[in-house]
């Protein structure tokens, strides 16, 4: 993270997407 070293994205430009609105 980032997935591509040549992109202008940084760590905070990524997220994890889950299936539900809440997790334990």
PDBML (XML) file of the C-alpha atoms, coordinates in Angstrom:
<?xml version="1.0" encoding="UTF-8" ?>
<PDBx:datablock datablockName="MODEL"
   xmlns:PDBx="http://pdbml.pdb.org/schema/pdbx-v50.xsd"
   xmlns:xsi="http://www.w3.org/2001/XMLSchema-instance"
   xsi:schemaLocation="http://pdbml.pdb.org/schema/pdbx-v50.xsd pdbx-v50.xsd">
   <PDBx:atom_siteCategory>
      <PDBx:atom_site id="1">
         <PDBx:B_iso_or_equiv>0.00</PDBx:B_iso_or_equiv>
         <PDBx:Cartn_x>0.000</PDBx:Cartn_x>
         <PDBx:Cartn_y>0.000</PDBx:Cartn_y>
         <PDBx:Cartn_z>0.000</PDBx:Cartn_z>
         <PDBx:auth_asym_id>A</PDBx:auth_asym_id>
         <PDBx:auth_atom_id>CA</PDBx:auth_atom_id>
         <PDBx:auth_comp_id>UNK</PDBx:auth_comp_id>
         <PDBx:auth_seq_id>1</PDBx:auth_seq_id>
         <PDBx:group_PDB>ATOM</PDBx:group_PDB>
         <PDBx:label_alt_id xsi:nil="true" />
         <PDBx:label_asym_id>A</PDBx:label_asym_id>
         <PDBx:label_atom_id>CA</PDBx:label_atom_id>
         <PDBx:label_comp_id>UNK</PDBx:label_comp_id>
         <PDBx:label_entity_id>1</PDBx:label_entity_id>
         <PDBx:label_seq_id>1</PDBx:label_seq_id>
         <PDBx:occupancy>1.00</PDBx:occupancy>
         <PDBx:pdbx_PDB_model_num>1</PDBx:pdbx_PDB_model_num>
         <PDBx:type_symbol>C</PDBx:type_symbol>
      </PDBx:atom_site>
      <PDBx:atom_site id="2">
         <PDBx:B_iso_or_equiv>0.00</PDBx:B_iso_or_equiv>
         <PDBx:Cartn_x>0.054</PDBx:Cartn_x>
         <PDBx:Cartn_y>1.851</PDBx:Cartn_y>
         <PDBx:Cartn_z>-2.302</PDBx:Cartn_z>
         <PDBx:auth_asym_id>A</PDBx:auth_asym_id>
         <PDBx:auth_atom_id>CA</PDBx:auth_atom_id>
         <PDBx:auth_comp_id>UNK</PDBx:auth_comp_id>
         <PDBx:auth_seq_id>2</PDBx:auth_seq_id>
         <PDBx:group_PDB>ATOM</PDBx:group_PDB>
         <PDBx:label_alt_id xsi:nil="true" />
         <PDBx:label_asym_id>A</PDBx:label_asym_id>
         <PDBx:label_atom_id>CA</PDBx:label_atom_id>
         <PDBx:label_comp_id>UNK</PDBx:label_comp_id>
         <PDBx:label_entity_id>1</PDBx:label_entity_id>
         <PDBx:label_seq_id>2</PDBx:label_seq_id>
         <PDBx:occupancy>1.00</PDBx:occupancy>
         <PDBx:pdbx_PDB_model_num>1</PDBx:pdbx_PDB_model_num>
         <PDBx:type_symbol>C</PDBx:type_symbol>
      </PDBx:atom_site>
      <PDBx:atom_site id="3">
         <PDBx:B_iso_or_equiv>0.00</PDBx:B_iso_or_equiv>
         <PDBx:Cartn_x>-0.426</PDBx:Cartn_x>
         <PDBx:Cartn_y>-0.974</PDBx:Cartn_y>
         <PDBx:Cartn_z>-4.786</PDBx:Cartn_z>
         <PDBx:auth_asym_id>A</PDBx:auth_asym_id>
         <PDBx:auth_atom_id>CA</PDBx:auth_atom_id>
         <PDBx:auth_comp_id>UNK</PDBx:auth_comp_id>
         <PDBx:auth_seq_id>3</PDBx:auth_seq_id>
         <PDBx:group_PDB>ATOM</PDBx:group_PDB>
         <PDBx:label_alt_id xsi:nil="true" />
         <PDBx:label_asym_id>A</PDBx:label_asym_id>
         <PDBx:label_atom_id>CA</PDBx:label_atom_id>
         <PDBx:label_comp_id>UNK</PDBx:label_comp_id>
         <PDBx:label_entity_id>1</PDBx:label_entity_id>
         <PDBx:label_seq_id>3</PDBx:label_seq_id>
         <PDBx:occupancy>1.00</PDBx:occupancy>
         <PDBx:pdbx_PDB_model_num>1</PDBx:pdbx_PDB_model_num>
         <PDBx:type_symbol>C</PDBx:type_symbol>
      </PDBx:atom_site>
      <PDBx:atom_site id="4">
         <PDBx:B_iso_or_equiv>0.00</PDBx:B_iso_or_equiv>
         <PDBx:Cartn_x>1.463</PDBx:Cartn_x>
         <PDBx:Cartn_y>0.880</PDBx:Cartn_y>
         <PDBx:Cartn_z>-7.490</PDBx:Cartn_z>
         <PDBx:auth_asym_id>A</PDBx:auth_asym_id>
         <PDBx:auth_atom_id>CA</PDBx:auth_atom_id>
         <PDBx:auth_comp_id>UNK</PDBx:auth_comp_id>
         <PDBx:auth_seq_id>4</PDBx:auth_seq_id>
         <PDBx:group_PDB>ATOM</PDBx:group_PDB>
         <PDBx:label_alt_id xsi:nil="true" />
         <PDBx:label_asym_id>A</PDBx:label_asym_id>
         <PDBx:label_atom_id>CA</PDBx:label_atom_id>
         <PDBx:label_comp_id>UNK</PDBx:label_comp_id>
         <PDBx:label_entity_id>1</PDBx:label_entity_id>
         <PDBx:label_seq_id>4</PDBx:label_seq_id>
         <PDBx:occupancy>1.00</PDBx:occupancy>
         <PDBx:pdbx_PDB_model_num>1</PDBx:pdbx_PDB_model_num>
         <PDBx:type_symbol>C</PDBx:type_symbol>
      </PDBx:atom_site>
      <PDBx:atom_site id="5">
         <PDBx:B_iso_or_equiv>0.00</PDBx:B_iso_or_equiv>
         <PDBx:Cartn_x>4.765</PDBx:Cartn_x>
         <PDBx:Cartn_y>2.630</PDBx:Cartn_y>
         <PDBx:Cartn_z>-6.704</PDBx:Cartn_z>
         <PDBx:auth_asym_id>A</PDBx:auth_asym_id>
         <PDBx:auth_atom_id>CA</PDBx:auth_atom_id>
         <PDBx:auth_comp_id>UNK</PDBx:auth_comp_id>
         <PDBx:auth_seq_id>5</PDBx:auth_seq_id>
         <PDBx:group_PDB>ATOM</PDBx:group_PDB>
         <PDBx:label_alt_id xsi:nil="true" />
         <PDBx:label_asym_id>A</PDBx:label_asym_id>
         <PDBx:label_atom_id>CA</PDBx:label_atom_id>
         <PDBx:label_comp_id>UNK</PDBx:label_comp_id>
         <PDBx:label_entity_id>1</PDBx:label_entity_id>
         <PDBx:label_seq_id>5</PDBx:label_seq_id>
         <PDBx:occupancy>1.00</PDBx:occupancy>
         <PDBx:pdbx_PDB_model_num>1</PDBx:pdbx_PDB_model_num>
         <PDBx:type_symbol>C</PDBx:type_symbol>
      </PDBx:atom_site>
      <PDBx:atom_site id="6">
         <PDBx:B_iso_or_equiv>0.00</PDBx:B_iso_or_equiv>
         <PDBx:Cartn_x>4.313</PDBx:Cartn_x>
         <PDBx:Cartn_y>5.036</PDBx:Cartn_y>
         <PDBx:Cartn_z>-9.615</PDBx:Cartn_z>
         <PDBx:auth_asym_id>A</PDBx:auth_asym_id>
         <PDBx:auth_atom_id>CA</PDBx:auth_atom_id>
         <PDBx:auth_comp_id>UNK</PDBx:auth_comp_id>
         <PDBx:auth_seq_id>6</PDBx:auth_seq_id>
         <PDBx:group_PDB>ATOM</PDBx:group_PDB>
         <PDBx:label_alt_id xsi:nil="true" />
         <PDBx:label_asym_id>A</PDBx:label_asym_id>
         <PDBx:label_atom_id>CA</PDBx:label_atom_id>
         <PDBx:label_comp_id>UNK</PDBx:label_comp_id>
         <PDBx:label_entity_id>1</PDBx:label_entity_id>
         <PDBx:label_seq_id>6</PDBx:label_seq_id>
         <PDBx:occupancy>1.00</PDBx:occupancy>
         <PDBx:pdbx_PDB_model_num>1</PDBx:pdbx_PDB_model_num>
         <PDBx:type_symbol>C</PDBx:type_symbol>
      </PDBx:atom_site>
      <PDBx:atom_site id="7">
         <PDBx:B_iso_or_equiv>0.00</PDBx:B_iso_or_equiv>
         <PDBx:Cartn_x>0.907</PDBx:Cartn_x>
         <PDBx:Cartn_y>6.331</PDBx:Cartn_y>
         <PDBx:Cartn_z>-8.539</PDBx:Cartn_z>
         <PDBx:auth_asym_id>A</PDBx:auth_asym_id>
         <PDBx:auth_atom_id>CA</PDBx:auth_atom_id>
         <PDBx:auth_comp_id>UNK</PDBx:auth_comp_id>
         <PDBx:auth_seq_id>7</PDBx:auth_seq_id>
         <PDBx:group_PDB>ATOM</PDBx:group_PDB>
         <PDBx:label_alt_id xsi:nil="true" />
         <PDBx:label_asym_id>A</PDBx:label_asym_id>
         <PDBx:label_atom_id>CA</PDBx:label_atom_id>
         <PDBx:label_comp_id>UNK</PDBx:label_comp_id>
         <PDBx:label_entity_id>1</PDBx:label_entity_id>
         <PDBx:label_seq_id>7</PDBx:label_seq_id>
         <PDBx:occupancy>1.00</PDBx:occupancy>
         <PDBx:pdbx_PDB_model_num>1</PDBx:pdbx_PDB_model_num>
         <PDBx:type_symbol>C</PDBx:type_symbol>
      </PDBx:atom_site>
      <PDBx:atom_site id="8">
         <PDBx:B_iso_or_equiv>0.00</PDBx:B_iso_or_equiv>
         <PDBx:Cartn_x>0.369</PDBx:Cartn_x>
         <PDBx:Cartn_y>9.538</PDBx:Cartn_y>
         <PDBx:Cartn_z>-6.603</PDBx:Cartn_z>
         <PDBx:auth_asym_id>A</PDBx:auth_asym_id>
         <PDBx:auth_atom_id>CA</PDBx:auth_atom_id>
         <PDBx:auth_comp_id>UNK</PDBx:auth_comp_id>
         <PDBx:auth_seq_id>8</PDBx:auth_seq_id>
         <PDBx:group_PDB>ATOM</PDBx:group_PDB>
         <PDBx:label_alt_id xsi:nil="true" />
         <PDBx:label_asym_id>A</PDBx:label_asym_id>
         <PDBx:label_atom_id>CA</PDBx:label_atom_id>
         <PDBx:label_comp_id>UNK</PDBx:label_comp_id>
         <PDBx:label_entity_id>1</PDBx:label_entity_id>
         <PDBx:label_seq_id>8</PDBx:label_seq_id>
         <PDBx:occupancy>1.00</PDBx:occupancy>
         <PDBx:pdbx_PDB_model_num>1</PDBx:pdbx_PDB_model_num>
         <PDBx:type_symbol>C</PDBx:type_symbol>
      </PDBx:atom_site>
      <PDBx:atom_site id="9">
         <PDBx:B_iso_or_equiv>0.00</PDBx:B_iso_or_equiv>
         <PDBx:Cartn_x>-1.672</PDBx:Cartn_x>
         <PDBx:Cartn_y>7.683</PDBx:Cartn_y>
         <PDBx:Cartn_z>-3.978</PDBx:Cartn_z>
         <PDBx:auth_asym_id>A</PDBx:auth_asym_id>
         <PDBx:auth_atom_id>CA</PDBx:auth_atom_id>
         <PDBx:auth_comp_id>UNK</PDBx:auth_comp_id>
         <PDBx:auth_seq_id>9</PDBx:auth_seq_id>
         <PDBx:group_PDB>ATOM</PDBx:group_PDB>
         <PDBx:label_alt_id xsi:nil="true" />
         <PDBx:label_asym_id>A</PDBx:label_asym_id>
         <PDBx:label_atom_id>CA</PDBx:label_atom_id>
         <PDBx:label_comp_id>UNK</PDBx:label_comp_id>
         <PDBx:label_entity_id>1</PDBx:label_entity_id>
         <PDBx:label_seq_id>9</PDBx:label_seq_id>
         <PDBx:occupancy>1.00</PDBx:occupancy>
         <PDBx:pdbx_PDB_model_num>1</PDBx:pdbx_PDB_model_num>
         <PDBx:type_symbol>C</PDBx:type_symbol>
      </PDBx:atom_site>
      <PDBx:atom_site id="10">
         <PDBx:B_iso_or_equiv>0.00</PDBx:B_iso_or_equiv>
         <PDBx:Cartn_x>-0.559</PDBx:Cartn_x>
         <PDBx:Cartn_y>7.205</PDBx:Cartn_y>
         <PDBx:Cartn_z>-0.387</PDBx:Cartn_z>
         <PDBx:auth_asym_id>A</PDBx:auth_asym_id>
         <PDBx:auth_atom_id>CA</PDBx:auth_atom_id>
         <PDBx:auth_comp_id>UNK</PDBx:auth_comp_id>
         <PDBx:auth_seq_id>10</PDBx:auth_seq_id>
         <PDBx:group_PDB>ATOM</PDBx:group_PDB>
         <PDBx:label_alt_id xsi:nil="true" />
         <PDBx:label_asym_id>A</PDBx:label_asym_id>
         <PDBx:label_atom_id>CA</PDBx:label_atom_id>
         <PDBx:label_comp_id>UNK</PDBx:label_comp_id>
         <PDBx:label_entity_id>1</PDBx:label_entity_id>
         <PDBx:label_seq_id>10</PDBx:label_seq_id>
         <PDBx:occupancy>1.00</PDBx:occupancy>
         <PDBx:pdbx_PDB_model_num>1</PDBx:pdbx_PDB_model_num>
         <PDBx:type_symbol>C</PDBx:type_symbol>
      </PDBx:atom_site>
      <PDBx:atom_site id="11">
         <PDBx:B_iso_or_equiv>0.00</PDBx:B_iso_or_equiv>
         <PDBx:Cartn_x>-1.578</PDBx:Cartn_x>
         <PDBx:Cartn_y>4.896</PDBx:Cartn_y>
         <PDBx:Cartn_z>2.445</PDBx:Cartn_z>
         <PDBx:auth_asym_id>A</PDBx:auth_asym_id>
         <PDBx:auth_atom_id>CA</PDBx:auth_atom_id>
         <PDBx:auth_comp_id>UNK</PDBx:auth_comp_id>
         <PDBx:auth_seq_id>11</PDBx:auth_seq_id>
         <PDBx:group_PDB>ATOM</PDBx:group_PDB>
         <PDBx:label_alt_id xsi:nil="true" />
         <PDBx:label_asym_id>A</PDBx:label_asym_id>
         <PDBx:label_atom_id>CA</PDBx:label_atom_id>
         <PDBx:label_comp_id>UNK</PDBx:label_comp_id>
         <PDBx:label_entity_id>1</PDBx:label_entity_id>
         <PDBx:label_seq_id>11</PDBx:label_seq_id>
         <PDBx:occupancy>1.00</PDBx:occupancy>
         <PDBx:pdbx_PDB_model_num>1</PDBx:pdbx_PDB_model_num>
         <PDBx:type_symbol>C</PDBx:type_symbol>
      </PDBx:atom_site>
      <PDBx:atom_site id="12">
         <PDBx:B_iso_or_equiv>0.00</PDBx:B_iso_or_equiv>
         <PDBx:Cartn_x>-4.561</PDBx:Cartn_x>
         <PDBx:Cartn_y>6.997</PDBx:Cartn_y>
         <PDBx:Cartn_z>3.532</PDBx:Cartn_z>
         <PDBx:auth_asym_id>A</PDBx:auth_asym_id>
         <PDBx:auth_atom_id>CA</PDBx:auth_atom_id>
         <PDBx:auth_comp_id>UNK</PDBx:auth_comp_id>
         <PDBx:auth_seq_id>12</PDBx:auth_seq_id>
         <PDBx:group_PDB>ATOM</PDBx:group_PDB>
         <PDBx:label_alt_id xsi:nil="true" />
         <PDBx:label_asym_id>A</PDBx:label_asym_id>
         <PDBx:label_atom_id>CA</PDBx:label_atom_id>
         <PDBx:label_comp_id>UNK</PDBx:label_comp_id>
         <PDBx:label_entity_id>1</PDBx:label_entity_id>
         <PDBx:label_seq_id>12</PDBx:label_seq_id>
         <PDBx:occupancy>1.00</PDBx:occupancy>
         <PDBx:pdbx_PDB_model_num>1</PDBx:pdbx_PDB_model_num>
         <PDBx:type_symbol>C</PDBx:type_symbol>
      </PDBx:atom_site>
      <PDBx:atom_site id="13">
         <PDBx:B_iso_or_equiv>0.00</PDBx:B_iso_or_equiv>
         <PDBx:Cartn_x>-6.017</PDBx:Cartn_x>
         <PDBx:Cartn_y>6.789</PDBx:Cartn_y>
         <PDBx:Cartn_z>0.011</PDBx:Cartn_z>
         <PDBx:auth_asym_id>A</PDBx:auth_asym_id>
         <PDBx:auth_atom_id>CA</PDBx:auth_atom_id>
         <PDBx:auth_comp_id>UNK</PDBx:auth_comp_id>
         <PDBx:auth_seq_id>13</PDBx:auth_seq_id>
         <PDBx:group_PDB>ATOM</PDBx:group_PDB>
         <PDBx:label_alt_id xsi:nil="true" />
         <PDBx:label_asym_id>A</PDBx:label_asym_id>
         <PDBx:label_atom_id>CA</PDBx:label_atom_id>
         <PDBx:label_comp_id>UNK</PDBx:label_comp_id>
         <PDBx:label_entity_id>1</PDBx:label_entity_id>
         <PDBx:label_seq_id>13</PDBx:label_seq_id>
         <PDBx:occupancy>1.00</PDBx:occupancy>
         <PDBx:pdbx_PDB_model_num>1</PDBx:pdbx_PDB_model_num>
         <PDBx:type_symbol>C</PDBx:type_symbol>
      </PDBx:atom_site>
      <PDBx:atom_site id="14">
         <PDBx:B_iso_or_equiv>0.00</PDBx:B_iso_or_equiv>
         <PDBx:Cartn_x>-6.897</PDBx:Cartn_x>
         <PDBx:Cartn_y>3.132</PDBx:Cartn_y>
         <PDBx:Cartn_z>0.612</PDBx:Cartn_z>
         <PDBx:auth_asym_id>A</PDBx:auth_asym_id>
         <PDBx:auth_atom_id>CA</PDBx:auth_atom_id>
         <PDBx:auth_comp_id>UNK</PDBx:auth_comp_id>
         <PDBx:auth_seq_id>14</PDBx:auth_seq_id>
         <PDBx:group_PDB>ATOM</PDBx:group_PDB>
         <PDBx:label_alt_id xsi:nil="true" />
         <PDBx:label_asym_id>A</PDBx:label_asym_id>
         <PDBx:label_atom_id>CA</PDBx:label_atom_id>
         <PDBx:label_comp_id>UNK</PDBx:label_comp_id>
         <PDBx:label_entity_id>1</PDBx:label_entity_id>
         <PDBx:label_seq_id>14</PDBx:label_seq_id>
         <PDBx:occupancy>1.00</PDBx:occupancy>
         <PDBx:pdbx_PDB_model_num>1</PDBx:pdbx_PDB_model_num>
         <PDBx:type_symbol>C</PDBx:type_symbol>
      </PDBx:atom_site>
      <PDBx:atom_site id="15">
         <PDBx:B_iso_or_equiv>0.00</PDBx:B_iso_or_equiv>
         <PDBx:Cartn_x>-9.650</PDBx:Cartn_x>
         <PDBx:Cartn_y>1.443</PDBx:Cartn_y>
         <PDBx:Cartn_z>2.566</PDBx:Cartn_z>
         <PDBx:auth_asym_id>A</PDBx:auth_asym_id>
         <PDBx:auth_atom_id>CA</PDBx:auth_atom_id>
         <PDBx:auth_comp_id>UNK</PDBx:auth_comp_id>
         <PDBx:auth_seq_id>15</PDBx:auth_seq_id>
         <PDBx:group_PDB>ATOM</PDBx:group_PDB>
         <PDBx:label_alt_id xsi:nil="true" />
         <PDBx:label_asym_id>A</PDBx:label_asym_id>
         <PDBx:label_atom_id>CA</PDBx:label_atom_id>
         <PDBx:label_comp_id>UNK</PDBx:label_comp_id>
         <PDBx:label_entity_id>1</PDBx:label_entity_id>
         <PDBx:label_seq_id>15</PDBx:label_seq_id>
         <PDBx:occupancy>1.00</PDBx:occupancy>
         <PDBx:pdbx_PDB_model_num>1</PDBx:pdbx_PDB_model_num>
         <PDBx:type_symbol>C</PDBx:type_symbol>
      </PDBx:atom_site>
      <PDBx:atom_site id="16">
         <PDBx:B_iso_or_equiv>0.00</PDBx:B_iso_or_equiv>
         <PDBx:Cartn_x>-11.048</PDBx:Cartn_x>
         <PDBx:Cartn_y>-1.968</PDBx:Cartn_y>
         <PDBx:Cartn_z>3.444</PDBx:Cartn_z>
         <PDBx:auth_asym_id>A</PDBx:auth_asym_id>
         <PDBx:auth_atom_id>CA</PDBx:auth_atom_id>
         <PDBx:auth_comp_id>UNK</PDBx:auth_comp_id>
         <PDBx:auth_seq_id>16</PDBx:auth_seq_id>
         <PDBx:group_PDB>ATOM</PDBx:group_PDB>
         <PDBx:label_alt_id xsi:nil="true" />
         <PDBx:label_asym_id>A</PDBx:label_asym_id>
         <PDBx:label_atom_id>CA</PDBx:label_atom_id>
         <PDBx:label_comp_id>UNK</PDBx:label_comp_id>
         <PDBx:label_entity_id>1</PDBx:label_entity_id>
         <PDBx:label_seq_id>16</PDBx:label_seq_id>
         <PDBx:occupancy>1.00</PDBx:occupancy>
         <PDBx:pdbx_PDB_model_num>1</PDBx:pdbx_PDB_model_num>
         <PDBx:type_symbol>C</PDBx:type_symbol>
      </PDBx:atom_site>
      <PDBx:atom_site id="17">
         <PDBx:B_iso_or_equiv>0.00</PDBx:B_iso_or_equiv>
         <PDBx:Cartn_x>-14.580</PDBx:Cartn_x>
         <PDBx:Cartn_y>-2.726</PDBx:Cartn_y>
         <PDBx:Cartn_z>2.304</PDBx:Cartn_z>
         <PDBx:auth_asym_id>A</PDBx:auth_asym_id>
         <PDBx:auth_atom_id>CA</PDBx:auth_atom_id>
         <PDBx:auth_comp_id>UNK</PDBx:auth_comp_id>
         <PDBx:auth_seq_id>17</PDBx:auth_seq_id>
         <PDBx:group_PDB>ATOM</PDBx:group_PDB>
         <PDBx:label_alt_id xsi:nil="true" />
         <PDBx:label_asym_id>A</PDBx:label_asym_id>
         <PDBx:label_atom_id>CA</PDBx:label_atom_id>
         <PDBx:label_comp_id>UNK</PDBx:label_comp_id>
         <PDBx:label_entity_id>1</PDBx:label_entity_id>
         <PDBx:label_seq_id>17</PDBx:label_seq_id>
         <PDBx:occupancy>1.00</PDBx:occupancy>
         <PDBx:pdbx_PDB_model_num>1</PDBx:pdbx_PDB_model_num>
         <PDBx:type_symbol>C</PDBx:type_symbol>
      </PDBx:atom_site>
      <PDBx:atom_site id="18">
         <PDBx:B_iso_or_equiv>0.00</PDBx:B_iso_or_equiv>
         <PDBx:Cartn_x>-16.614</PDBx:Cartn_x>
         <PDBx:Cartn_y>-5.264</PDBx:Cartn_y>
         <PDBx:Cartn_z>4.248</PDBx:Cartn_z>
         <PDBx:auth_asym_id>A</PDBx:auth_asym_id>
         <PDBx:auth_atom_id>CA</PDBx:auth_atom_id>
         <PDBx:auth_comp_id>UNK</PDBx:auth_comp_id>
         <PDBx:auth_seq_id>18</PDBx:auth_seq_id>
         <PDBx:group_PDB>ATOM</PDBx:group_PDB>
         <PDBx:label_alt_id xsi:nil="true" />
         <PDBx:label_asym_id>A</PDBx:label_asym_id>
         <PDBx:label_atom_id>CA</PDBx:label_atom_id>
         <PDBx:label_comp_id>UNK</PDBx:label_comp_id>
         <PDBx:label_entity_id>1</PDBx:label_entity_id>
         <PDBx:label_seq_id>18</PDBx:label_seq_id>
         <PDBx:occupancy>1.00</PDBx:occupancy>
         <PDBx:pdbx_PDB_model_num>1</PDBx:pdbx_PDB_model_num>
         <PDBx:type_symbol>C</PDBx:type_symbol>
      </PDBx:atom_site>
      <PDBx:atom_site id="19">
         <PDBx:B_iso_or_equiv>0.00</PDBx:B_iso_or_equiv>
         <PDBx:Cartn_x>-20.009</PDBx:Cartn_x>
         <PDBx:Cartn_y>-6.858</PDBx:Cartn_y>
         <PDBx:Cartn_z>3.606</PDBx:Cartn_z>
         <PDBx:auth_asym_id>A</PDBx:auth_asym_id>
         <PDBx:auth_atom_id>CA</PDBx:auth_atom_id>
         <PDBx:auth_comp_id>UNK</PDBx:auth_comp_id>
         <PDBx:auth_seq_id>19</PDBx:auth_seq_id>
         <PDBx:group_PDB>ATOM</PDBx:group_PDB>
         <PDBx:label_alt_id xsi:nil="true" />
         <PDBx:label_asym_id>A</PDBx:label_asym_id>
         <PDBx:label_atom_id>CA</PDBx:label_atom_id>
         <PDBx:label_comp_id>UNK</PDBx:label_comp_id>
         <PDBx:label_entity_id>1</PDBx:label_entity_id>
         <PDBx:label_seq_id>19</PDBx:label_seq_id>
         <PDBx:occupancy>1.00</PDBx:occupancy>
         <PDBx:pdbx_PDB_model_num>1</PDBx:pdbx_PDB_model_num>
         <PDBx:type_symbol>C</PDBx:type_symbol>
      </PDBx:atom_site>
      <PDBx:atom_site id="20">
         <PDBx:B_iso_or_equiv>0.00</PDBx:B_iso_or_equiv>
         <PDBx:Cartn_x>-21.832</PDBx:Cartn_x>
         <PDBx:Cartn_y>-5.392</PDBx:Cartn_y>
         <PDBx:Cartn_z>6.598</PDBx:Cartn_z>
         <PDBx:auth_asym_id>A</PDBx:auth_asym_id>
         <PDBx:auth_atom_id>CA</PDBx:auth_atom_id>
         <PDBx:auth_comp_id>UNK</PDBx:auth_comp_id>
         <PDBx:auth_seq_id>20</PDBx:auth_seq_id>
         <PDBx:group_PDB>ATOM</PDBx:group_PDB>
         <PDBx:label_alt_id xsi:nil="true" />
         <PDBx:label_asym_id>A</PDBx:label_asym_id>
         <PDBx:label_atom_id>CA</PDBx:label_atom_id>
         <PDBx:label_comp_id>UNK</PDBx:label_comp_id>
         <PDBx:label_entity_id>1</PDBx:label_entity_id>
         <PDBx:label_seq_id>20</PDBx:label_seq_id>
         <PDBx:occupancy>1.00</PDBx:occupancy>
         <PDBx:pdbx_PDB_model_num>1</PDBx:pdbx_PDB_model_num>
         <PDBx:type_symbol>C</PDBx:type_symbol>
      </PDBx:atom_site>
      <PDBx:atom_site id="21">
         <PDBx:B_iso_or_equiv>0.00</PDBx:B_iso_or_equiv>
         <PDBx:Cartn_x>-22.099</PDBx:Cartn_x>
         <PDBx:Cartn_y>-1.936</PDBx:Cartn_y>
         <PDBx:Cartn_z>8.243</PDBx:Cartn_z>
         <PDBx:auth_asym_id>A</PDBx:auth_asym_id>
         <PDBx:auth_atom_id>CA</PDBx:auth_atom_id>
         <PDBx:auth_comp_id>UNK</PDBx:auth_comp_id>
         <PDBx:auth_seq_id>21</PDBx:auth_seq_id>
         <PDBx:group_PDB>ATOM</PDBx:group_PDB>
         <PDBx:label_alt_id xsi:nil="true" />
         <PDBx:label_asym_id>A</PDBx:label_asym_id>
         <PDBx:label_atom_id>CA</PDBx:label_atom_id>
         <PDBx:label_comp_id>UNK</PDBx:label_comp_id>
         <PDBx:label_entity_id>1</PDBx:label_entity_id>
         <PDBx:label_seq_id>21</PDBx:label_seq_id>
         <PDBx:occupancy>1.00</PDBx:occupancy>
         <PDBx:pdbx_PDB_model_num>1</PDBx:pdbx_PDB_model_num>
         <PDBx:type_symbol>C</PDBx:type_symbol>
      </PDBx:atom_site>
      <PDBx:atom_site id="22">
         <PDBx:B_iso_or_equiv>0.00</PDBx:B_iso_or_equiv>
         <PDBx:Cartn_x>-20.716</PDBx:Cartn_x>
         <PDBx:Cartn_y>-3.185</PDBx:Cartn_y>
         <PDBx:Cartn_z>11.569</PDBx:Cartn_z>
         <PDBx:auth_asym_id>A</PDBx:auth_asym_id>
         <PDBx:auth_atom_id>CA</PDBx:auth_atom_id>
         <PDBx:auth_comp_id>UNK</PDBx:auth_comp_id>
         <PDBx:auth_seq_id>22</PDBx:auth_seq_id>
         <PDBx:group_PDB>ATOM</PDBx:group_PDB>
         <PDBx:label_alt_id xsi:nil="true" />
         <PDBx:label_asym_id>A</PDBx:label_asym_id>
         <PDBx:label_atom_id>CA</PDBx:label_atom_id>
         <PDBx:label_comp_id>UNK</PDBx:label_comp_id>
         <PDBx:label_entity_id>1</PDBx:label_entity_id>
         <PDBx:label_seq_id>22</PDBx:label_seq_id>
         <PDBx:occupancy>1.00</PDBx:occupancy>
         <PDBx:pdbx_PDB_model_num>1</PDBx:pdbx_PDB_model_num>
         <PDBx:type_symbol>C</PDBx:type_symbol>
      </PDBx:atom_site>
      <PDBx:atom_site id="23">
         <PDBx:B_iso_or_equiv>0.00</PDBx:B_iso_or_equiv>
         <PDBx:Cartn_x>-18.223</PDBx:Cartn_x>
         <PDBx:Cartn_y>-5.819</PDBx:Cartn_y>
         <PDBx:Cartn_z>12.677</PDBx:Cartn_z>
         <PDBx:auth_asym_id>A</PDBx:auth_asym_id>
         <PDBx:auth_atom_id>CA</PDBx:auth_atom_id>
         <PDBx:auth_comp_id>UNK</PDBx:auth_comp_id>
         <PDBx:auth_seq_id>23</PDBx:auth_seq_id>
         <PDBx:group_PDB>ATOM</PDBx:group_PDB>
         <PDBx:label_alt_id xsi:nil="true" />
         <PDBx:label_asym_id>A</PDBx:label_asym_id>
         <PDBx:label_atom_id>CA</PDBx:label_atom_id>
         <PDBx:label_comp_id>UNK</PDBx:label_comp_id>
         <PDBx:label_entity_id>1</PDBx:label_entity_id>
         <PDBx:label_seq_id>23</PDBx:label_seq_id>
         <PDBx:occupancy>1.00</PDBx:occupancy>
         <PDBx:pdbx_PDB_model_num>1</PDBx:pdbx_PDB_model_num>
         <PDBx:type_symbol>C</PDBx:type_symbol>
      </PDBx:atom_site>
      <PDBx:atom_site id="24">
         <PDBx:B_iso_or_equiv>0.00</PDBx:B_iso_or_equiv>
         <PDBx:Cartn_x>-17.241</PDBx:Cartn_x>
         <PDBx:Cartn_y>-7.123</PDBx:Cartn_y>
         <PDBx:Cartn_z>16.111</PDBx:Cartn_z>
         <PDBx:auth_asym_id>A</PDBx:auth_asym_id>
         <PDBx:auth_atom_id>CA</PDBx:auth_atom_id>
         <PDBx:auth_comp_id>UNK</PDBx:auth_comp_id>
         <PDBx:auth_seq_id>24</PDBx:auth_seq_id>
         <PDBx:group_PDB>ATOM</PDBx:group_PDB>
         <PDBx:label_alt_id xsi:nil="true" />
         <PDBx:label_asym_id>A</PDBx:label_asym_id>
         <PDBx:label_atom_id>CA</PDBx:label_atom_id>
         <PDBx:label_comp_id>UNK</PDBx:label_comp_id>
         <PDBx:label_entity_id>1</PDBx:label_entity_id>
         <PDBx:label_seq_id>24</PDBx:label_seq_id>
         <PDBx:occupancy>1.00</PDBx:occupancy>
         <PDBx:pdbx_PDB_model_num>1</PDBx:pdbx_PDB_model_num>
         <PDBx:type_symbol>C</PDBx:type_symbol>
      </PDBx:atom_site>
   </PDBx:atom_siteCategory>
</PDBx:datablock>
